[in-house]
PDB file of all heavy atoms in Angstrom:
ATOM      1  N   LYS A   1       0.855  -1.178   0.000  1.00  0.00           N
ATOM      2  CA  LYS A   1       0.000   0.000   0.000  1.00  0.00           C
ATOM      3  C   LYS A   1       0.895   1.233   0.000  1.00  0.00           C
ATOM      4  O   LYS A   1       1.797   1.345   0.829  1.00  0.00           O
ATOM      5  CB  LYS A   1      -0.905  -0.006   1.225  1.00  0.00           C
ATOM      6  CG  LYS A   1      -1.980   1.067   1.207  1.00  0.00           C
ATOM      7  CD  LYS A   1      -2.870   0.986   2.421  1.00  0.00           C
ATOM      8  CE  LYS A   1      -3.899  -0.090   2.150  1.00  0.00           C
ATOM      9  NZ  LYS A   1      -5.015  -0.013   3.101  1.00  0.00           N
ATOM     10  N   ASN A   2       0.640   2.138  -0.929  1.00  0.00           N
ATOM     11  CA  ASN A   2       1.412   3.368  -1.015  1.00  0.00           C
ATOM     12  C   ASN A   2       1.175   4.185   0.252  1.00  0.00           C
ATOM     13  O   ASN A   2       0.042   4.516   0.575  1.00  0.00           O
ATOM     14  CB  ASN A   2       0.984   4.159  -2.259  1.00  0.00           C
ATOM     15  CG  ASN A   2       1.846   5.369  -2.499  1.00  0.00           C
ATOM     16  OD1 ASN A   2       2.278   6.048  -1.574  1.00  0.00           O
ATOM     17  ND2 ASN A   2       2.064   5.669  -3.767  1.00  0.00           N
ATOM     18  N   PRO A   3       2.238   4.541   0.994  1.00  0.00           N
ATOM     19  CA  PRO A   3       2.052   5.280   2.246  1.00  0.00           C
ATOM     20  C   PRO A   3       1.587   6.723   2.039  1.00  0.00           C
ATOM     21  O   PRO A   3       1.110   7.348   2.973  1.00  0.00           O
ATOM     22  CB  PRO A   3       3.439   5.246   2.893  1.00  0.00           C
ATOM     23  CG  PRO A   3       4.379   5.044   1.773  1.00  0.00           C
ATOM     24  CD  PRO A   3       3.643   4.235   0.751  1.00  0.00           C
ATOM     25  N   PHE A   4       1.692   7.230   0.805  1.00  0.00           N
ATOM     26  CA  PHE A   4       1.297   8.615   0.538  1.00  0.00           C
ATOM     27  C   PHE A   4      -0.157   8.757   0.114  1.00  0.00           C
ATOM     28  O   PHE A   4      -0.776   9.786   0.330  1.00  0.00           O
ATOM     29  CB  PHE A   4       2.209   9.241  -0.529  1.00  0.00           C
ATOM     30  CG  PHE A   4       3.643   9.263  -0.118  1.00  0.00           C
ATOM     31  CD1 PHE A   4       4.544   8.362  -0.661  1.00  0.00           C
ATOM     32  CD2 PHE A   4       4.097  10.159   0.840  1.00  0.00           C
ATOM     33  CE1 PHE A   4       5.877   8.365  -0.275  1.00  0.00           C
ATOM     34  CE2 PHE A   4       5.425  10.169   1.238  1.00  0.00           C
ATOM     35  CZ  PHE A   4       6.306   9.274   0.675  1.00  0.00           C
ATOM     36  N   ASN A   5      -0.742   7.697  -0.512  1.00  0.00           N
ATOM     37  CA  ASN A   5      -2.133   7.810  -0.959  1.00  0.00           C
ATOM     38  C   ASN A   5      -2.991   6.586  -0.633  1.00  0.00           C
ATOM     39  O   ASN A   5      -4.126   6.490  -1.068  1.00  0.00           O
ATOM     40  CB  ASN A   5      -2.195   8.119  -2.462  1.00  0.00           C
ATOM     41  CG  ASN A   5      -1.567   7.033  -3.305  1.00  0.00           C
ATOM     42  OD1 ASN A   5      -1.418   5.892  -2.881  1.00  0.00           O
ATOM     43  ND2 ASN A   5      -1.191   7.392  -4.525  1.00  0.00           N
ATOM     44  N   ASP A   6      -2.449   5.625   0.110  1.00  0.00           N
ATOM     45  CA  ASP A   6      -3.163   4.418   0.549  1.00  0.00           C
ATOM     46  C   ASP A   6      -3.703   3.554  -0.586  1.00  0.00           C
ATOM     47  O   ASP A   6      -4.601   2.751  -0.372  1.00  0.00           O
ATOM     48  CB  ASP A   6      -4.319   4.784   1.496  1.00  0.00           C
ATOM     49  CG  ASP A   6      -3.834   5.091   2.894  1.00  0.00           C
ATOM     50  OD1 ASP A   6      -2.734   4.627   3.238  1.00  0.00           O
ATOM     51  OD2 ASP A   6      -4.551   5.795   3.630  1.00  0.00           O
ATOM     52  N   ARG A   7      -3.166   3.699  -1.795  1.00  0.00           N
ATOM     53  CA  ARG A   7      -3.607   2.869  -2.916  1.00  0.00           C
ATOM     54  C   ARG A   7      -2.624   1.724  -3.143  1.00  0.00           C
ATOM     55  O   ARG A   7      -1.465   1.787  -2.756  1.00  0.00           O
ATOM     56  CB  ARG A   7      -3.756   3.727  -4.182  1.00  0.00           C
ATOM     57  CG  ARG A   7      -4.868   4.741  -3.988  1.00  0.00           C
ATOM     58  CD  ARG A   7      -5.387   5.446  -5.226  1.00  0.00           C
ATOM     59  NE  ARG A   7      -4.728   5.226  -6.459  1.00  0.00           N
ATOM     60  CZ  ARG A   7      -4.134   6.183  -7.176  1.00  0.00           C
ATOM     61  NH1 ARG A   7      -4.108   7.416  -6.745  1.00  0.00           N
ATOM     62  NH2 ARG A   7      -3.579   5.907  -8.333  1.00  0.00           N
ATOM     63  N   GLU A   8      -3.115   0.675  -3.816  1.00  0.00           N
ATOM     64  CA  GLU A   8      -2.285  -0.488  -4.088  1.00  0.00           C
ATOM     65  C   GLU A   8      -1.110  -0.121  -4.998  1.00  0.00           C
ATOM     66  O   GLU A   8      -1.258   0.644  -5.948  1.00  0.00           O
ATOM     67  CB  GLU A   8      -3.137  -1.556  -4.773  1.00  0.00           C
ATOM     68  CG  GLU A   8      -2.381  -2.826  -5.086  1.00  0.00           C
ATOM     69  CD  GLU A   8      -3.264  -3.868  -5.738  1.00  0.00           C
ATOM     70  OE1 GLU A   8      -3.556  -3.719  -6.944  1.00  0.00           O
ATOM     71  OE2 GLU A   8      -3.650  -4.806  -5.038  1.00  0.00           O
ATOM     72  N   MET A   9       0.041  -0.682  -4.679  1.00  0.00           N
ATOM     73  CA  MET A   9       1.233  -0.497  -5.502  1.00  0.00           C
ATOM     74  C   MET A   9       2.037  -1.793  -5.495  1.00  0.00           C
ATOM     75  O   MET A   9       1.781  -2.688  -4.689  1.00  0.00           O
ATOM     76  CB  MET A   9       2.098   0.650  -4.978  1.00  0.00           C
ATOM     77  CG  MET A   9       2.638   0.424  -3.578  1.00  0.00           C
ATOM     78  SD  MET A   9       3.762   1.700  -3.045  1.00  0.00           S
ATOM     79  CE  MET A   9       5.292   1.038  -3.625  1.00  0.00           C
ATOM     80  N   PHE A  10       2.980  -1.879  -6.423  1.00  0.00           N
ATOM     81  CA  PHE A  10       3.858  -3.034  -6.509  1.00  0.00           C
ATOM     82  C   PHE A  10       5.299  -2.558  -6.404  1.00  0.00           C
ATOM     83  O   PHE A  10       5.611  -1.436  -6.799  1.00  0.00           O
ATOM     84  CB  PHE A  10       3.640  -3.781  -7.829  1.00  0.00           C
ATOM     85  CG  PHE A  10       2.241  -4.284  -7.972  1.00  0.00           C
ATOM     86  CD1 PHE A  10       1.300  -3.547  -8.659  1.00  0.00           C
ATOM     87  CD2 PHE A  10       1.857  -5.480  -7.399  1.00  0.00           C
ATOM     88  CE1 PHE A  10       0.002  -4.000  -8.780  1.00  0.00           C
ATOM     89  CE2 PHE A  10       0.564  -5.940  -7.509  1.00  0.00           C
ATOM     90  CZ  PHE A  10      -0.370  -5.197  -8.211  1.00  0.00           C
ATOM     91  N   TRP A  11       6.165  -3.416  -5.869  1.00  0.00           N
ATOM     92  CA  TRP A  11       7.544  -3.015  -5.671  1.00  0.00           C
ATOM     93  C   TRP A  11       8.471  -4.228  -5.695  1.00  0.00           C
ATOM     94  O   TRP A  11       8.016  -5.364  -5.556  1.00  0.00           O
ATOM     95  CB  TRP A  11       7.711  -2.242  -4.357  1.00  0.00           C
ATOM     96  CG  TRP A  11       7.378  -3.063  -3.137  1.00  0.00           C
ATOM     97  CD1 TRP A  11       6.138  -3.259  -2.610  1.00  0.00           C
ATOM     98  CD2 TRP A  11       8.283  -3.806  -2.326  1.00  0.00           C
ATOM     99  NE1 TRP A  11       6.216  -4.077  -1.507  1.00  0.00           N
ATOM    100  CE2 TRP A  11       7.536  -4.426  -1.314  1.00  0.00           C
ATOM    101  CE3 TRP A  11       9.656  -4.004  -2.353  1.00  0.00           C
ATOM    102  CZ2 TRP A  11       8.106  -5.230  -0.350  1.00  0.00           C
ATOM    103  CZ3 TRP A  11      10.239  -4.805  -1.383  1.00  0.00           C
ATOM    104  CH2 TRP A  11       9.455  -5.404  -0.400  1.00  0.00           C
ATOM    105  N   ASN A  12       9.742  -3.962  -5.878  1.00  0.00           N
ATOM    106  CA  ASN A  12      10.777  -4.977  -5.757  1.00  0.00           C
ATOM    107  C   ASN A  12      12.114  -4.257  -5.626  1.00  0.00           C
ATOM    108  O   ASN A  12      12.162  -3.028  -5.670  1.00  0.00           O
ATOM    109  CB  ASN A  12      10.794  -5.930  -6.952  1.00  0.00           C
ATOM    110  CG  ASN A  12      11.327  -7.311  -6.578  1.00  0.00           C
ATOM    111  OD1 ASN A  12      12.090  -7.459  -5.628  1.00  0.00           O
ATOM    112  ND2 ASN A  12      10.929  -8.314  -7.343  1.00  0.00           N
ATOM    113  N   PHE A  13      13.181  -5.001  -5.470  1.00  0.00           N
ATOM    114  CA  PHE A  13      14.506  -4.415  -5.310  1.00  0.00           C
ATOM    115  C   PHE A  13      15.544  -5.396  -5.816  1.00  0.00           C
ATOM    116  O   PHE A  13      15.262  -6.570  -6.048  1.00  0.00           O
ATOM    117  CB  PHE A  13      14.788  -4.070  -3.841  1.00  0.00           C
ATOM    118  CG  PHE A  13      14.983  -5.286  -2.979  1.00  0.00           C
ATOM    119  CD1 PHE A  13      16.254  -5.779  -2.735  1.00  0.00           C
ATOM    120  CD2 PHE A  13      13.890  -5.947  -2.430  1.00  0.00           C
ATOM    121  CE1 PHE A  13      16.435  -6.904  -1.947  1.00  0.00           C
ATOM    122  CE2 PHE A  13      14.065  -7.077  -1.644  1.00  0.00           C
ATOM    123  CZ  PHE A  13      15.333  -7.549  -1.400  1.00  0.00           C
ATOM    124  N   ASN A  14      16.767  -4.910  -5.990  1.00  0.00           N
ATOM    125  CA  ASN A  14      17.898  -5.802  -6.206  1.00  0.00           C
ATOM    126  C   ASN A  14      19.177  -5.089  -5.817  1.00  0.00           C
ATOM    127  O   ASN A  14      19.195  -3.873  -5.634  1.00  0.00           O
ATOM    128  CB  ASN A  14      17.950  -6.381  -7.625  1.00  0.00           C
ATOM    129  CG  ASN A  14      18.275  -5.378  -8.691  1.00  0.00           C
ATOM    130  OD1 ASN A  14      18.967  -4.397  -8.469  1.00  0.00           O
ATOM    131  ND2 ASN A  14      17.771  -5.614  -9.883  1.00  0.00           N
ATOM    132  N   VAL A  15      20.225  -5.864  -5.658  1.00  0.00           N
ATOM    133  CA  VAL A  15      21.552  -5.349  -5.320  1.00  0.00           C
ATOM    134  C   VAL A  15      22.505  -5.915  -6.364  1.00  0.00           C
ATOM    135  O   VAL A  15      22.487  -7.112  -6.644  1.00  0.00           O
ATOM    136  CB  VAL A  15      21.985  -5.773  -3.902  1.00  0.00           C
ATOM    137  CG1 VAL A  15      23.375  -5.269  -3.590  1.00  0.00           C
ATOM    138  CG2 VAL A  15      20.979  -5.282  -2.865  1.00  0.00           C
ATOM    139  N   LEU A  16      23.326  -5.037  -6.938  1.00  0.00           N
ATOM    140  CA  LEU A  16      24.223  -5.431  -8.012  1.00  0.00           C
ATOM    141  C   LEU A  16      25.637  -4.946  -7.708  1.00  0.00           C
ATOM    142  O   LEU A  16      25.828  -3.780  -7.364  1.00  0.00           O
ATOM    143  CB  LEU A  16      23.739  -4.811  -9.332  1.00  0.00           C
ATOM    144  CG  LEU A  16      24.600  -5.017 -10.566  1.00  0.00           C
ATOM    145  CD1 LEU A  16      24.607  -6.483 -10.977  1.00  0.00           C
ATOM    146  CD2 LEU A  16      24.075  -4.148 -11.691  1.00  0.00           C
ATOM    147  N   HIS A  17      26.608  -5.831  -7.841  1.00  0.00           N
ATOM    148  CA  HIS A  17      28.017  -5.480  -7.629  1.00  0.00           C
ATOM    149  C   HIS A  17      28.737  -5.530  -8.969  1.00  0.00           C
ATOM    150  O   HIS A  17      28.560  -6.467  -9.746  1.00  0.00           O
ATOM    151  CB  HIS A  17      28.665  -6.471  -6.663  1.00  0.00           C
ATOM    152  CG  HIS A  17      30.128  -6.246  -6.493  1.00  0.00           C
ATOM    153  ND1 HIS A  17      31.061  -6.906  -7.253  1.00  0.00           N
ATOM    154  CD2 HIS A  17      30.816  -5.436  -5.658  1.00  0.00           C
ATOM    155  CE1 HIS A  17      32.276  -6.512  -6.897  1.00  0.00           C
ATOM    156  NE2 HIS A  17      32.151  -5.626  -5.931  1.00  0.00           N
ATOM    157  N   ASN A  18      29.553  -4.501  -9.251  1.00  0.00           N
ATOM    158  CA  ASN A  18      30.378  -4.477 -10.462  1.00  0.00           C
ATOM    159  C   ASN A  18      31.791  -4.048 -10.102  1.00  0.00           C
ATOM    160  O   ASN A  18      31.971  -3.148  -9.277  1.00  0.00           O
ATOM    161  CB  ASN A  18      29.841  -3.460 -11.485  1.00  0.00           C
ATOM    162  CG  ASN A  18      28.720  -4.019 -12.306  1.00  0.00           C
ATOM    163  OD1 ASN A  18      28.772  -5.141 -12.783  1.00  0.00           O
ATOM    164  ND2 ASN A  18      27.679  -3.223 -12.480  1.00  0.00           N
ATOM    165  N   PHE A  19      32.773  -4.672 -10.754  1.00  0.00           N
ATOM    166  CA  PHE A  19      34.131  -4.152 -10.714  1.00  0.00           C
ATOM    167  C   PHE A  19      34.223  -3.097 -11.803  1.00  0.00           C
ATOM    168  O   PHE A  19      33.779  -3.316 -12.930  1.00  0.00           O
ATOM    169  CB  PHE A  19      35.154  -5.265 -10.970  1.00  0.00           C
ATOM    170  CG  PHE A  19      35.229  -6.260  -9.861  1.00  0.00           C
ATOM    171  CD1 PHE A  19      34.705  -7.530 -10.010  1.00  0.00           C
ATOM    172  CD2 PHE A  19      35.822  -5.921  -8.648  1.00  0.00           C
ATOM    173  CE1 PHE A  19      34.771  -8.453  -8.985  1.00  0.00           C
ATOM    174  CE2 PHE A  19      35.897  -6.838  -7.611  1.00  0.00           C
ATOM    175  CZ  PHE A  19      35.363  -8.112  -7.778  1.00  0.00           C
ATOM    176  N   VAL A  20      34.772  -1.942 -11.477  1.00  0.00           N
ATOM    177  CA  VAL A  20      34.935  -0.854 -12.442  1.00  0.00           C
ATOM    178  C   VAL A  20      36.385  -0.409 -12.430  1.00  0.00           C
ATOM    179  O   VAL A  20      37.163  -0.834 -11.575  1.00  0.00           O
ATOM    180  CB  VAL A  20      33.966   0.317 -12.138  1.00  0.00           C
ATOM    181  CG1 VAL A  20      32.521  -0.125 -12.313  1.00  0.00           C
ATOM    182  CG2 VAL A  20      34.169   0.852 -10.738  1.00  0.00           C
ATOM    183  N   GLY A  21      36.756   0.462 -13.359  1.00  0.00           N
ATOM    184  CA  GLY A  21      38.140   0.865 -13.510  1.00  0.00           C
ATOM    185  C   GLY A  21      38.771   1.439 -12.253  1.00  0.00           C
ATOM    186  O   GLY A  21      39.955   1.229 -11.992  1.00  0.00           O
ATOM    187  N   PHE A  22      38.005   2.162 -11.441  1.00  0.00           N
ATOM    188  CA  PHE A  22      38.559   2.787 -10.240  1.00  0.00           C
ATOM    189  C   PHE A  22      38.361   1.958  -8.987  1.00  0.00           C
ATOM    190  O   PHE A  22      38.812   2.331  -7.911  1.00  0.00           O
ATOM    191  CB  PHE A  22      37.973   4.185 -10.027  1.00  0.00           C
ATOM    192  CG  PHE A  22      36.464   4.204  -9.950  1.00  0.00           C
ATOM    193  CD1 PHE A  22      35.794   3.806  -8.805  1.00  0.00           C
ATOM    194  CD2 PHE A  22      35.726   4.628 -11.039  1.00  0.00           C
ATOM    195  CE1 PHE A  22      34.415   3.828  -8.735  1.00  0.00           C
ATOM    196  CE2 PHE A  22      34.332   4.664 -10.970  1.00  0.00           C
ATOM    197  CZ  PHE A  22      33.681   4.256  -9.829  1.00  0.00           C
ATOM    198  N   GLY A  23      37.668   0.832  -9.072  1.00  0.00           N
ATOM    199  CA  GLY A  23      37.417   0.013  -7.884  1.00  0.00           C
ATOM    200  C   GLY A  23      36.157  -0.819  -8.056  1.00  0.00           C
ATOM    201  O   GLY A  23      36.096  -1.702  -8.901  1.00  0.00           O
ATOM    202  N   THR A  24      35.138  -0.511  -7.258  1.00  0.00           N
ATOM    203  CA  THR A  24      33.885  -1.254  -7.329  1.00  0.00           C
ATOM    204  C   THR A  24      32.697  -0.314  -7.207  1.00  0.00           C
ATOM    205  O   THR A  24      32.814   0.820  -6.756  1.00  0.00           O
ATOM    206  CB  THR A  24      33.763  -2.294  -6.190  1.00  0.00           C
ATOM    207  OG1 THR A  24      33.715  -1.612  -4.937  1.00  0.00           O
ATOM    208  CG2 THR A  24      34.900  -3.281  -6.203  1.00  0.00           C
ATOM    209  N   THR A  25      31.549  -0.836  -7.600  1.00  0.00           N
ATOM    210  CA  THR A  25      30.290  -0.165  -7.323  1.00  0.00           C
ATOM    211  C   THR A  25      29.289  -1.217  -6.860  1.00  0.00           C
ATOM    212  O   THR A  25      29.253  -2.323  -7.392  1.00  0.00           O
ATOM    213  CB  THR A  25      29.749   0.622  -8.534  1.00  0.00           C
ATOM    214  OG1 THR A  25      28.500   1.218  -8.172  1.00  0.00           O
ATOM    215  CG2 THR A  25      29.540  -0.256  -9.745  1.00  0.00           C
ATOM    216  N   ILE A  26      28.542  -0.865  -5.848  1.00  0.00           N
ATOM    217  CA  ILE A  26      27.420  -1.688  -5.406  1.00  0.00           C
ATOM    218  C   ILE A  26      26.188  -0.809  -5.558  1.00  0.00           C
ATOM    219  O   ILE A  26      26.065   0.229  -4.911  1.00  0.00           O
ATOM    220  CB  ILE A  26      27.583  -2.155  -3.948  1.00  0.00           C
ATOM    221  CG1 ILE A  26      28.826  -3.037  -3.821  1.00  0.00           C
ATOM    222  CG2 ILE A  26      26.327  -2.909  -3.495  1.00  0.00           C
ATOM    223  CD1 ILE A  26      29.162  -3.438  -2.408  1.00  0.00           C
ATOM    224  N   ASP A  27      25.292  -1.225  -6.459  1.00  0.00           N
ATOM    225  CA  ASP A  27      24.068  -0.472  -6.727  1.00  0.00           C
ATOM    226  C   ASP A  27      22.894  -1.146  -6.032  1.00  0.00           C
ATOM    227  O   ASP A  27      22.716  -2.364  -6.131  1.00  0.00           O
ATOM    228  CB  ASP A  27      23.793  -0.392  -8.228  1.00  0.00           C
ATOM    229  CG  ASP A  27      24.849   0.392  -8.976  1.00  0.00           C
ATOM    230  OD1 ASP A  27      25.526   1.223  -8.346  1.00  0.00           O
ATOM    231  OD2 ASP A  27      24.978   0.186 -10.191  1.00  0.00           O
ATOM    232  N   VAL A  28      22.114  -0.356  -5.330  1.00  0.00           N
ATOM    233  CA  VAL A  28      20.888  -0.835  -4.686  1.00  0.00           C
ATOM    234  C   VAL A  28      19.736  -0.214  -5.471  1.00  0.00           C
ATOM    235  O   VAL A  28      19.634   1.014  -5.552  1.00  0.00           O
ATOM    236  CB  VAL A  28      20.831  -0.438  -3.200  1.00  0.00           C
ATOM    237  CG1 VAL A  28      19.558  -0.967  -2.567  1.00  0.00           C
ATOM    238  CG2 VAL A  28      22.063  -0.932  -2.466  1.00  0.00           C
ATOM    239  N   MET A  29      18.894  -1.059  -6.069  1.00  0.00           N
ATOM    240  CA  MET A  29      17.836  -0.589  -6.961  1.00  0.00           C
ATOM    241  C   MET A  29      16.462  -0.934  -6.407  1.00  0.00           C
ATOM    242  O   MET A  29      16.259  -2.025  -5.877  1.00  0.00           O
ATOM    243  CB  MET A  29      18.015  -1.222  -8.336  1.00  0.00           C
ATOM    244  CG  MET A  29      19.341  -0.897  -8.971  1.00  0.00           C
ATOM    245  SD  MET A  29      19.594  -1.891 -10.438  1.00  0.00           S
ATOM    246  CE  MET A  29      21.323  -2.270 -10.230  1.00  0.00           C
ATOM    247  N   PHE A  30      15.554   0.005  -6.554  1.00  0.00           N
ATOM    248  CA  PHE A  30      14.172  -0.171  -6.122  1.00  0.00           C
ATOM    249  C   PHE A  30      13.246   0.099  -7.290  1.00  0.00           C
ATOM    250  O   PHE A  30      13.433   1.067  -8.025  1.00  0.00           O
ATOM    251  CB  PHE A  30      13.833   0.801  -4.980  1.00  0.00           C
ATOM    252  CG  PHE A  30      14.657   0.587  -3.755  1.00  0.00           C
ATOM    253  CD1 PHE A  30      15.805   1.330  -3.542  1.00  0.00           C
ATOM    254  CD2 PHE A  30      14.284  -0.366  -2.817  1.00  0.00           C
ATOM    255  CE1 PHE A  30      16.581   1.138  -2.417  1.00  0.00           C
ATOM    256  CE2 PHE A  30      15.052  -0.567  -1.687  1.00  0.00           C
ATOM    257  CZ  PHE A  30      16.202   0.185  -1.482  1.00  0.00           C
TER     258      PHE A  30
END
């Protein structure tokens, strides 16, 4: 339930790790 308007919503997330030229990145996506 959307906390701002009390209507139905859908959601998910993921976490992604990449090695990059300067080191690493960990992305958290919603």
